[in-house]
């Protein structure tokens, strides 16, 4: 799903949530859960229904803070890694472990 700009919200069970990403694999689920918990969010995870036998298990990651918007938080530089570095778009999308606070890379 990645950063999209839309503020998606709804419910998981009886809990009102802001959806962070839907349809993510286990690795992405764990990355987001750890990152969001480091930043003080209560994370709610739901297993998505498996559409056909043999498909991998996918997950929906959400937070209980109804004002949270992942896109706004990344570009406002309000999210931090566990060691205190600023979360960038490429870090959020797991393209790099670098957190140099530039939104894009001008080098080719």
PDB file of N, CA and C in Angstrom:
ATOM      1  N   UNK A   1       0.826  -1.178   0.000  1.00  0.00           N
ATOM      2  CA  UNK A   1       0.000   0.000   0.000  1.00  0.00           C
ATOM      3  C   UNK A   1       0.871   1.242   0.000  1.00  0.00           C
ATOM      4  N   UNK A   2       1.885   1.302   0.864  1.00  0.00           N
ATOM      5  CA  UNK A   2       2.800   2.432   0.884  1.00  0.00           C
ATOM      6  C   UNK A   2       2.128   3.731   1.286  1.00  0.00           C
ATOM      7  N   UNK A   3       2.835   4.825   1.061  1.00  0.00           N
ATOM      8  CA  UNK A   3       2.314   6.150   1.394  1.00  0.00           C
ATOM      9  C   UNK A   3       1.369   6.601   0.301  1.00  0.00           C
ATOM     10  N   UNK A   4       0.177   7.000   0.675  1.00  0.00           N
ATOM     11  CA  UNK A   4      -0.794   7.378  -0.332  1.00  0.00           C
ATOM     12  C   UNK A   4      -1.428   8.735  -0.134  1.00  0.00           C
ATOM     13  N   UNK A   5      -1.424   9.229   1.068  1.00  0.00           N
ATOM     14  CA  UNK A   5      -2.015  10.535   1.326  1.00  0.00           C
ATOM     15  C   UNK A   5      -3.416  10.483   1.880  1.00  0.00           C
ATOM     16  N   UNK A   6      -4.147   9.428   1.599  1.00  0.00           N
ATOM     17  CA  UNK A   6      -5.509   9.316   2.123  1.00  0.00           C
ATOM     18  C   UNK A   6      -5.480   8.874   3.576  1.00  0.00           C
ATOM     19  N   UNK A   7      -6.387   9.414   4.352  1.00  0.00           N
ATOM     20  CA  UNK A   7      -6.526   9.049   5.756  1.00  0.00           C
ATOM     21  C   UNK A   7      -7.620   7.992   5.835  1.00  0.00           C
ATOM     22  N   UNK A   8      -7.216   6.735   5.872  1.00  0.00           N
ATOM     23  CA  UNK A   8      -8.159   5.626   5.863  1.00  0.00           C
ATOM     24  C   UNK A   8      -8.422   5.168   7.287  1.00  0.00           C
ATOM     25  N   UNK A   9      -9.681   5.095   7.654  1.00  0.00           N
ATOM     26  CA  UNK A   9     -10.024   4.658   8.994  1.00  0.00           C
ATOM     27  C   UNK A   9     -11.232   3.750   8.956  1.00  0.00           C
ATOM     28  N   UNK A  10     -11.418   3.019  10.036  1.00  0.00           N
ATOM     29  CA  UNK A  10     -12.523   2.072  10.143  1.00  0.00           C
ATOM     30  C   UNK A  10     -12.429   1.345  11.459  1.00  0.00           C
ATOM     31  N   UNK A  11     -12.784   0.073  11.462  1.00  0.00           N
ATOM     32  CA  UNK A  11     -12.776  -0.716  12.694  1.00  0.00           C
ATOM     33  C   UNK A  11     -12.110  -2.063  12.457  1.00  0.00           C
ATOM     34  N   UNK A  12     -11.443  -2.513  13.483  1.00  0.00           N
ATOM     35  CA  UNK A  12     -10.958  -3.890  13.554  1.00  0.00           C
ATOM     36  C   UNK A  12     -11.567  -4.441  14.830  1.00  0.00           C
ATOM     37  N   UNK A  13     -12.482  -5.361  14.664  1.00  0.00           N
ATOM     38  CA  UNK A  13     -13.250  -5.840  15.810  1.00  0.00           C
ATOM     39  C   UNK A  13     -14.088  -4.698  16.351  1.00  0.00           C
ATOM     40  N   UNK A  14     -13.954  -4.429  17.626  1.00  0.00           N
ATOM     41  CA  UNK A  14     -14.687  -3.344  18.275  1.00  0.00           C
ATOM     42  C   UNK A  14     -13.850  -2.064  18.365  1.00  0.00           C
ATOM     43  N   UNK A  15     -12.625  -2.102  17.852  1.00  0.00           N
ATOM     44  CA  UNK A  15     -11.696  -0.988  18.004  1.00  0.00           C
ATOM     45  C   UNK A  15     -11.697  -0.098  16.775  1.00  0.00           C
ATOM     46  N   UNK A  16     -11.911   1.203  16.962  1.00  0.00           N
ATOM     47  CA  UNK A  16     -11.806   2.178  15.868  1.00  0.00           C
ATOM     48  C   UNK A  16     -10.328   2.417  15.604  1.00  0.00           C
ATOM     49  N   UNK A  17      -9.947   2.372  14.331  1.00  0.00           N
ATOM     50  CA  UNK A  17      -8.531   2.477  13.983  1.00  0.00           C
ATOM     51  C   UNK A  17      -8.328   3.345  12.740  1.00  0.00           C
ATOM     52  N   UNK A  18      -7.100   3.802  12.601  1.00  0.00           N
ATOM     53  CA  UNK A  18      -6.613   4.381  11.353  1.00  0.00           C
ATOM     54  C   UNK A  18      -5.772   3.301  10.695  1.00  0.00           C
ATOM     55  N   UNK A  19      -6.099   2.954   9.459  1.00  0.00           N
ATOM     56  CA  UNK A  19      -5.343   1.931   8.749  1.00  0.00           C
ATOM     57  C   UNK A  19      -4.016   2.512   8.279  1.00  0.00           C
ATOM     58  N   UNK A  20      -2.951   1.787   8.553  1.00  0.00           N
ATOM     59  CA  UNK A  20      -1.619   2.190   8.115  1.00  0.00           C
ATOM     60  C   UNK A  20      -1.344   1.549   6.768  1.00  0.00           C
ATOM     61  N   UNK A  21      -1.459   0.236   6.681  1.00  0.00           N
ATOM     62  CA  UNK A  21      -1.306  -0.490   5.415  1.00  0.00           C
ATOM     63  C   UNK A  21      -2.146  -1.756   5.471  1.00  0.00           C
ATOM     64  N   UNK A  22      -2.667  -2.123   4.326  1.00  0.00           N
ATOM     65  CA  UNK A  22      -3.448  -3.351   4.189  1.00  0.00           C
ATOM     66  C   UNK A  22      -2.731  -4.282   3.219  1.00  0.00           C
ATOM     67  N   UNK A  23      -2.923  -5.576   3.424  1.00  0.00           N
ATOM     68  CA  UNK A  23      -2.365  -6.566   2.509  1.00  0.00           C
ATOM     69  C   UNK A  23      -0.852  -6.653   2.539  1.00  0.00           C
ATOM     70  N   UNK A  24      -0.272  -6.602   3.739  1.00  0.00           N
ATOM     71  CA  UNK A  24       1.183  -6.674   3.864  1.00  0.00           C
ATOM     72  C   UNK A  24       1.600  -8.056   4.332  1.00  0.00           C
ATOM     73  N   UNK A  25       2.834  -8.434   3.997  1.00  0.00           N
ATOM     74  CA  UNK A  25       3.341  -9.731   4.419  1.00  0.00           C
ATOM     75  C   UNK A  25       3.870  -9.651   5.850  1.00  0.00           C
ATOM     76  N   UNK A  26       4.333 -10.767   6.352  1.00  0.00           N
ATOM     77  CA  UNK A  26       4.779 -10.861   7.738  1.00  0.00           C
ATOM     78  C   UNK A  26       5.972  -9.951   8.027  1.00  0.00           C
ATOM     79  N   UNK A  27       6.918  -9.868   7.098  1.00  0.00           N
ATOM     80  CA  UNK A  27       8.093  -9.018   7.275  1.00  0.00           C
ATOM     81  C   UNK A  27       7.692  -7.546   7.396  1.00  0.00           C
ATOM     82  N   UNK A  28       6.819  -7.088   6.493  1.00  0.00           N
ATOM     83  CA  UNK A  28       6.359  -5.701   6.509  1.00  0.00           C
ATOM     84  C   UNK A  28       5.536  -5.423   7.772  1.00  0.00           C
ATOM     85  N   UNK A  29       4.706  -6.376   8.159  1.00  0.00           N
ATOM     86  CA  UNK A  29       3.906  -6.255   9.376  1.00  0.00           C
ATOM     87  C   UNK A  29       4.799  -6.010  10.581  1.00  0.00           C
ATOM     88  N   UNK A  30       5.846  -6.823  10.719  1.00  0.00           N
ATOM     89  CA  UNK A  30       6.750  -6.690  11.858  1.00  0.00           C
ATOM     90  C   UNK A  30       7.508  -5.366  11.824  1.00  0.00           C
ATOM     91  N   UNK A  31       7.951  -4.948  10.634  1.00  0.00           N
ATOM     92  CA  UNK A  31       8.654  -3.670  10.487  1.00  0.00           C
ATOM     93  C   UNK A  31       7.764  -2.511  10.948  1.00  0.00           C
ATOM     94  N   UNK A  32       6.543  -2.463  10.425  1.00  0.00           N
ATOM     95  CA  UNK A  32       5.626  -1.376  10.778  1.00  0.00           C
ATOM     96  C   UNK A  32       5.250  -1.408  12.253  1.00  0.00           C
ATOM     97  N   UNK A  33       4.986  -2.598  12.777  1.00  0.00           N
ATOM     98  CA  UNK A  33       4.608  -2.727  14.181  1.00  0.00           C
ATOM     99  C   UNK A  33       5.714  -2.176  15.077  1.00  0.00           C
ATOM    100  N   UNK A  34       6.944  -2.584  14.832  1.00  0.00           N
ATOM    101  CA  UNK A  34       8.067  -2.116  15.644  1.00  0.00           C
ATOM    102  C   UNK A  34       8.260  -0.609  15.518  1.00  0.00           C
ATOM    103  N   UNK A  35       8.219  -0.092  14.298  1.00  0.00           N
ATOM    104  CA  UNK A  35       8.420   1.333  14.066  1.00  0.00           C
ATOM    105  C   UNK A  35       7.336   2.165  14.750  1.00  0.00           C
ATOM    106  N   UNK A  36       6.103   1.753  14.611  1.00  0.00           N
ATOM    107  CA  UNK A  36       4.998   2.511  15.193  1.00  0.00           C
ATOM    108  C   UNK A  36       4.995   2.432  16.723  1.00  0.00           C
ATOM    109  N   UNK A  37       5.328   1.274  17.272  1.00  0.00           N
ATOM    110  CA  UNK A  37       5.375   1.149  18.729  1.00  0.00           C
ATOM    111  C   UNK A  37       6.505   1.991  19.320  1.00  0.00           C
ATOM    112  N   UNK A  38       7.641   2.070  18.633  1.00  0.00           N
ATOM    113  CA  UNK A  38       8.737   2.931  19.078  1.00  0.00           C
ATOM    114  C   UNK A  38       8.271   4.379  19.155  1.00  0.00           C
ATOM    115  N   UNK A  39       7.358   4.762  18.277  1.00  0.00           N
ATOM    116  CA  UNK A  39       6.849   6.128  18.236  1.00  0.00           C
ATOM    117  C   UNK A  39       5.611   6.336  19.115  1.00  0.00           C
ATOM    118  N   UNK A  40       5.289   5.353  19.945  1.00  0.00           N
ATOM    119  CA  UNK A  40       4.250   5.506  20.949  1.00  0.00           C
ATOM    120  C   UNK A  40       2.834   5.199  20.498  1.00  0.00           C
ATOM    121  N   UNK A  41       2.672   4.528  19.367  1.00  0.00           N
ATOM    122  CA  UNK A  41       1.333   4.189  18.888  1.00  0.00           C
ATOM    123  C   UNK A  41       0.944   2.796  19.362  1.00  0.00           C
ATOM    124  N   UNK A  42      -0.349   2.631  19.637  1.00  0.00           N
ATOM    125  CA  UNK A  42      -0.884   1.306  19.931  1.00  0.00           C
ATOM    126  C   UNK A  42      -1.257   0.675  18.594  1.00  0.00           C
ATOM    127  N   UNK A  43      -0.620  -0.426  18.264  1.00  0.00           N
ATOM    128  CA  UNK A  43      -0.791  -1.068  16.966  1.00  0.00           C
ATOM    129  C   UNK A  43      -1.794  -2.209  17.072  1.00  0.00           C
ATOM    130  N   UNK A  44      -2.681  -2.273  16.073  1.00  0.00           N
ATOM    131  CA  UNK A  44      -3.657  -3.358  15.973  1.00  0.00           C
ATOM    132  C   UNK A  44      -3.400  -4.067  14.650  1.00  0.00           C
ATOM    133  N   UNK A  45      -3.282  -5.388  14.709  1.00  0.00           N
ATOM    134  CA  UNK A  45      -3.010  -6.174  13.503  1.00  0.00           C
ATOM    135  C   UNK A  45      -4.131  -7.181  13.315  1.00  0.00           C
ATOM    136  N   UNK A  46      -4.566  -7.287  12.062  1.00  0.00           N
ATOM    137  CA  UNK A  46      -5.614  -8.251  11.730  1.00  0.00           C
ATOM    138  C   UNK A  46      -5.123  -9.120  10.578  1.00  0.00           C
ATOM    139  N   UNK A  47      -5.350 -10.416  10.691  1.00  0.00           N
ATOM    140  CA  UNK A  47      -5.027 -11.325   9.591  1.00  0.00           C
ATOM    141  C   UNK A  47      -6.090 -11.168   8.511  1.00  0.00           C
ATOM    142  N   UNK A  48      -5.647 -10.962   7.264  1.00  0.00           N
ATOM    143  CA  UNK A  48      -6.586 -10.893   6.146  1.00  0.00           C
ATOM    144  C   UNK A  48      -7.036 -12.309   5.800  1.00  0.00           C
ATOM    145  N   UNK A  49      -8.224 -12.409   5.226  1.00  0.00           N
ATOM    146  CA  UNK A  49      -8.712 -13.715   4.797  1.00  0.00           C
ATOM    147  C   UNK A  49      -7.897 -14.181   3.591  1.00  0.00           C
ATOM    148  N   UNK A  50      -7.575 -15.462   3.598  1.00  0.00           N
ATOM    149  CA  UNK A  50      -6.844 -16.045   2.468  1.00  0.00           C
ATOM    150  C   UNK A  50      -7.852 -16.325   1.361  1.00  0.00           C
ATOM    151  N   UNK A  51      -7.598 -15.767   0.178  1.00  0.00           N
ATOM    152  CA  UNK A  51      -8.557 -15.866  -0.923  1.00  0.00           C
ATOM    153  C   UNK A  51      -8.583 -17.264  -1.537  1.00  0.00           C
ATOM    154  N   UNK A  52      -7.414 -17.814  -1.826  1.00  0.00           N
ATOM    155  CA  UNK A  52      -7.348 -19.161  -2.374  1.00  0.00           C
ATOM    156  C   UNK A  52      -6.280 -19.950  -1.625  1.00  0.00           C
ATOM    157  N   UNK A  53      -6.486 -21.243  -1.575  1.00  0.00           N
ATOM    158  CA  UNK A  53      -5.549 -22.106  -0.874  1.00  0.00           C
ATOM    159  C   UNK A  53      -4.163 -21.970  -1.501  1.00  0.00           C
ATOM    160  N   UNK A  54      -3.159 -21.832  -0.668  1.00  0.00           N
ATOM    161  CA  UNK A  54      -1.795 -21.689  -1.151  1.00  0.00           C
ATOM    162  C   UNK A  54      -1.312 -20.248  -1.174  1.00  0.00           C
ATOM    163  N   UNK A  55      -2.226 -19.284  -1.070  1.00  0.00           N
ATOM    164  CA  UNK A  55      -1.816 -17.881  -1.009  1.00  0.00           C
ATOM    165  C   UNK A  55      -1.147 -17.624   0.339  1.00  0.00           C
ATOM    166  N   UNK A  56      -0.165 -16.719   0.378  1.00  0.00           N
ATOM    167  CA  UNK A  56       0.469 -16.404   1.665  1.00  0.00           C
ATOM    168  C   UNK A  56      -0.480 -15.618   2.568  1.00  0.00           C
ATOM    169  N   UNK A  57      -0.249 -15.704   3.857  1.00  0.00           N
ATOM    170  CA  UNK A  57      -1.053 -14.948   4.821  1.00  0.00           C
ATOM    171  C   UNK A  57      -0.671 -13.471   4.730  1.00  0.00           C
ATOM    172  N   UNK A  58      -1.658 -12.620   4.595  1.00  0.00           N
ATOM    173  CA  UNK A  58      -1.442 -11.183   4.542  1.00  0.00           C
ATOM    174  C   UNK A  58      -2.103 -10.552   5.763  1.00  0.00           C
ATOM    175  N   UNK A  59      -1.690  -9.310   6.075  1.00  0.00           N
ATOM    176  CA  UNK A  59      -2.134  -8.657   7.299  1.00  0.00           C
ATOM    177  C   UNK A  59      -2.555  -7.209   7.026  1.00  0.00           C
ATOM    178  N   UNK A  60      -3.394  -6.699   7.920  1.00  0.00           N
ATOM    179  CA  UNK A  60      -3.752  -5.286   7.946  1.00  0.00           C
ATOM    180  C   UNK A  60      -3.143  -4.706   9.210  1.00  0.00           C
ATOM    181  N   UNK A  61      -2.395  -3.612   9.052  1.00  0.00           N
ATOM    182  CA  UNK A  61      -1.761  -2.941  10.181  1.00  0.00           C
ATOM    183  C   UNK A  61      -2.482  -1.620  10.400  1.00  0.00           C
ATOM    184  N   UNK A  62      -2.853  -1.351  11.655  1.00  0.00           N
ATOM    185  CA  UNK A  62      -3.578  -0.132  11.986  1.00  0.00           C
ATOM    186  C   UNK A  62      -3.111   0.371  13.346  1.00  0.00           C
ATOM    187  N   UNK A  63      -3.467   1.629  13.649  1.00  0.00           N
ATOM    188  CA  UNK A  63      -3.182   2.206  14.960  1.00  0.00           C
ATOM    189  C   UNK A  63      -4.479   2.750  15.546  1.00  0.00           C
ATOM    190  N   UNK A  64      -4.525   2.856  16.859  1.00  0.00           N
ATOM    191  CA  UNK A  64      -5.737   3.329  17.519  1.00  0.00           C
ATOM    192  C   UNK A  64      -5.844   4.854  17.529  1.00  0.00           C
ATOM    193  N   UNK A  65      -4.783   5.554  17.150  1.00  0.00           N
ATOM    194  CA  UNK A  65      -4.807   7.015  17.084  1.00  0.00           C
ATOM    195  C   UNK A  65      -5.517   7.433  15.797  1.00  0.00           C
ATOM    196  N   UNK A  66      -6.722   7.962  15.944  1.00  0.00           N
ATOM    197  CA  UNK A  66      -7.535   8.308  14.771  1.00  0.00           C
ATOM    198  C   UNK A  66      -6.993   9.506  14.005  1.00  0.00           C
ATOM    199  N   UNK A  67      -6.059  10.246  14.578  1.00  0.00           N
ATOM    200  CA  UNK A  67      -5.489  11.411  13.881  1.00  0.00           C
ATOM    201  C   UNK A  67      -4.237  11.061  13.100  1.00  0.00           C
ATOM    202  N   UNK A  68      -3.734   9.840  13.235  1.00  0.00           N
ATOM    203  CA  UNK A  68      -2.486   9.452  12.573  1.00  0.00           C
ATOM    204  C   UNK A  68      -2.689   9.312  11.078  1.00  0.00           C
ATOM    205  N   UNK A  69      -1.804   9.942  10.319  1.00  0.00           N
ATOM    206  CA  UNK A  69      -1.762   9.796   8.870  1.00  0.00           C
ATOM    207  C   UNK A  69      -0.312   9.476   8.510  1.00  0.00           C
ATOM    208  N   UNK A  70      -0.035   8.286   7.973  1.00  0.00           N
ATOM    209  CA  UNK A  70       1.347   7.895   7.700  1.00  0.00           C
ATOM    210  C   UNK A  70       2.077   8.873   6.781  1.00  0.00           C
ATOM    211  N   UNK A  71       1.423   9.337   5.739  1.00  0.00           N
ATOM    212  CA  UNK A  71       2.068  10.249   4.789  1.00  0.00           C
ATOM    213  C   UNK A  71       2.461  11.550   5.472  1.00  0.00           C
ATOM    214  N   UNK A  72       1.540  12.123   6.208  1.00  0.00           N
ATOM    215  CA  UNK A  72       1.819  13.372   6.910  1.00  0.00           C
ATOM    216  C   UNK A  72       2.943  13.178   7.921  1.00  0.00           C
ATOM    217  N   UNK A  73       2.925  12.084   8.642  1.00  0.00           N
ATOM    218  CA  UNK A  73       3.939  11.833   9.663  1.00  0.00           C
ATOM    219  C   UNK A  73       5.334  11.665   9.069  1.00  0.00           C
ATOM    220  N   UNK A  74       5.434  10.993   7.925  1.00  0.00           N
ATOM    221  CA  UNK A  74       6.741  10.806   7.292  1.00  0.00           C
ATOM    222  C   UNK A  74       7.258  12.137   6.754  1.00  0.00           C
ATOM    223  N   UNK A  75       6.440  12.873   6.028  1.00  0.00           N
ATOM    224  CA  UNK A  75       6.920  14.104   5.418  1.00  0.00           C
ATOM    225  C   UNK A  75       7.046  15.249   6.421  1.00  0.00           C
ATOM    226  N   UNK A  76       6.370  15.170   7.549  1.00  0.00           N
ATOM    227  CA  UNK A  76       6.553  16.164   8.606  1.00  0.00           C
ATOM    228  C   UNK A  76       7.745  15.801   9.493  1.00  0.00           C
ATOM    229  N   UNK A  77       8.361  14.667   9.206  1.00  0.00           N
ATOM    230  CA  UNK A  77       9.527  14.179   9.938  1.00  0.00           C
ATOM    231  C   UNK A  77       9.241  13.964  11.417  1.00  0.00           C
ATOM    232  N   UNK A  78       8.045  13.499  11.721  1.00  0.00           N
ATOM    233  CA  UNK A  78       7.668  13.297  13.124  1.00  0.00           C
ATOM    234  C   UNK A  78       7.886  11.870  13.611  1.00  0.00           C
ATOM    235  N   UNK A  79       8.197  10.954  12.719  1.00  0.00           N
ATOM    236  CA  UNK A  79       8.476   9.576  13.118  1.00  0.00           C
ATOM    237  C   UNK A  79       9.981   9.382  13.265  1.00  0.00           C
ATOM    238  N   UNK A  80      10.363   8.616  14.266  1.00  0.00           N
ATOM    239  CA  UNK A  80      11.770   8.343  14.530  1.00  0.00           C
ATOM    240  C   UNK A  80      12.006   6.835  14.557  1.00  0.00           C
ATOM    241  N   UNK A  81      13.229   6.444  14.238  1.00  0.00           N
ATOM    242  CA  UNK A  81      13.621   5.043  14.350  1.00  0.00           C
ATOM    243  C   UNK A  81      13.922   4.741  15.817  1.00  0.00           C
ATOM    244  N   UNK A  82      14.200   3.487  16.124  1.00  0.00           N
ATOM    245  CA  UNK A  82      14.497   3.098  17.503  1.00  0.00           C
ATOM    246  C   UNK A  82      15.737   3.815  18.039  1.00  0.00           C
ATOM    247  N   UNK A  83      16.678   4.145  17.157  1.00  0.00           N
ATOM    248  CA  UNK A  83      17.886   4.855  17.606  1.00  0.00           C
ATOM    249  C   UNK A  83      17.788   6.371  17.425  1.00  0.00           C
ATOM    250  N   UNK A  84      16.582   6.894  17.169  1.00  0.00           N
ATOM    251  CA  UNK A  84      16.355   8.333  17.155  1.00  0.00           C
ATOM    252  C   UNK A  84      16.538   9.043  15.828  1.00  0.00           C
ATOM    253  N   UNK A  85      16.798   8.308  14.756  1.00  0.00           N
ATOM    254  CA  UNK A  85      16.951   8.947  13.448  1.00  0.00           C
ATOM    255  C   UNK A  85      15.577   9.238  12.838  1.00  0.00           C
ATOM    256  N   UNK A  86      15.521  10.208  11.945  1.00  0.00           N
ATOM    257  CA  UNK A  86      14.272  10.593  11.289  1.00  0.00           C
ATOM    258  C   UNK A  86      13.893   9.551  10.236  1.00  0.00           C
ATOM    259  N   UNK A  87      12.617   9.176  10.208  1.00  0.00           N
ATOM    260  CA  UNK A  87      12.117   8.224   9.214  1.00  0.00           C
ATOM    261  C   UNK A  87      11.843   8.971   7.914  1.00  0.00           C
ATOM    262  N   UNK A  88      12.470   8.518   6.834  1.00  0.00           N
ATOM    263  CA  UNK A  88      12.257   9.111   5.516  1.00  0.00           C
ATOM    264  C   UNK A  88      11.329   8.214   4.699  1.00  0.00           C
ATOM    265  N   UNK A  89      10.935   8.694   3.540  1.00  0.00           N
ATOM    266  CA  UNK A  89      10.056   7.919   2.669  1.00  0.00           C
ATOM    267  C   UNK A  89      10.703   6.599   2.272  1.00  0.00           C
ATOM    268  N   UNK A  90      11.964   6.625   1.887  1.00  0.00           N
ATOM    269  CA  UNK A  90      12.633   5.384   1.492  1.00  0.00           C
ATOM    270  C   UNK A  90      12.796   4.419   2.667  1.00  0.00           C
ATOM    271  N   UNK A  91      13.020   4.951   3.855  1.00  0.00           N
ATOM    272  CA  UNK A  91      13.102   4.091   5.035  1.00  0.00           C
ATOM    273  C   UNK A  91      11.735   3.465   5.308  1.00  0.00           C
ATOM    274  N   UNK A  92      10.681   4.277   5.256  1.00  0.00           N
ATOM    275  CA  UNK A  92       9.318   3.788   5.478  1.00  0.00           C
ATOM    276  C   UNK A  92       8.983   2.670   4.487  1.00  0.00           C
ATOM    277  N   UNK A  93       9.367   2.851   3.240  1.00  0.00           N
ATOM    278  CA  UNK A  93       9.079   1.862   2.199  1.00  0.00           C
ATOM    279  C   UNK A  93      10.083   0.719   2.175  1.00  0.00           C
ATOM    280  N   UNK A  94      10.995   0.693   3.121  1.00  0.00           N
ATOM    281  CA  UNK A  94      12.016  -0.345   3.271  1.00  0.00           C
ATOM    282  C   UNK A  94      12.898  -0.487   2.042  1.00  0.00           C
ATOM    283  N   UNK A  95      13.187   0.637   1.389  1.00  0.00           N
ATOM    284  CA  UNK A  95      14.107   0.625   0.250  1.00  0.00           C
ATOM    285  C   UNK A  95      15.540   0.758   0.712  1.00  0.00           C
ATOM    286  N   UNK A  96      15.733   1.355   1.893  1.00  0.00           N
ATOM    287  CA  UNK A  96      17.068   1.573   2.426  1.00  0.00           C
ATOM    288  C   UNK A  96      16.997   1.691   3.945  1.00  0.00           C
ATOM    289  N   UNK A  97      18.150   1.474   4.582  1.00  0.00           N
ATOM    290  CA  UNK A  97      18.261   1.713   6.015  1.00  0.00           C
ATOM    291  C   UNK A  97      18.772   3.117   6.288  1.00  0.00           C
ATOM    292  N   UNK A  98      19.140   3.829   5.228  1.00  0.00           N
ATOM    293  CA  UNK A  98      19.605   5.210   5.358  1.00  0.00           C
ATOM    294  C   UNK A  98      18.453   6.098   5.789  1.00  0.00           C
ATOM    295  N   UNK A  99      18.733   7.049   6.661  1.00  0.00           N
ATOM    296  CA  UNK A  99      17.697   7.977   7.099  1.00  0.00           C
ATOM    297  C   UNK A  99      18.148   9.415   6.916  1.00  0.00           C
ATOM    298  N   UNK A 100      18.999   9.638   5.933  1.00  0.00           N
ATOM    299  CA  UNK A 100      19.396  10.999   5.609  1.00  0.00           C
ATOM    300  C   UNK A 100      18.107  11.750   5.295  1.00  0.00           C
ATOM    301  N   UNK A 101      17.827  12.865   5.965  1.00  0.00           N
ATOM    302  CA  UNK A 101      16.496  13.473   5.854  1.00  0.00           C
ATOM    303  C   UNK A 101      16.201  14.197   4.540  1.00  0.00           C
ATOM    304  N   UNK A 102      16.357  13.494   3.441  1.00  0.00           N
ATOM    305  CA  UNK A 102      15.941  14.017   2.146  1.00  0.00           C
ATOM    306  C   UNK A 102      14.828  13.120   1.635  1.00  0.00           C
ATOM    307  N   UNK A 103      13.840  13.700   0.992  1.00  0.00           N
ATOM    308  CA  UNK A 103      12.695  12.927   0.537  1.00  0.00           C
ATOM    309  C   UNK A 103      13.009  12.097  -0.700  1.00  0.00           C
ATOM    310  N   UNK A 104      13.964  12.515  -1.472  1.00  0.00           N
ATOM    311  CA  UNK A 104      14.303  11.778  -2.671  1.00  0.00           C
ATOM    312  C   UNK A 104      15.796  11.872  -2.897  1.00  0.00           C
ATOM    313  N   UNK A 105      16.297  11.043  -3.747  1.00  0.00           N
ATOM    314  CA  UNK A 105      17.724  10.975  -4.029  1.00  0.00           C
ATOM    315  C   UNK A 105      17.979  11.557  -5.402  1.00  0.00           C
ATOM    316  N   UNK A 106      18.797  12.599  -5.501  1.00  0.00           N
ATOM    317  CA  UNK A 106      19.092  13.235  -6.776  1.00  0.00           C
ATOM    318  C   UNK A 106      20.140  12.486  -7.575  1.00  0.00           C
ATOM    319  N   UNK A 107      20.893  11.607  -6.929  1.00  0.00           N
ATOM    320  CA  UNK A 107      21.945  10.858  -7.622  1.00  0.00           C
ATOM    321  C   UNK A 107      21.345   9.769  -8.485  1.00  0.00           C
ATOM    322  N   UNK A 108      22.015   9.458  -9.571  1.00  0.00           N
ATOM    323  CA  UNK A 108      21.542   8.374 -10.440  1.00  0.00           C
ATOM    324  C   UNK A 108      22.447   7.193 -10.369  1.00  0.00           C
TER     325      UNK A 108
END
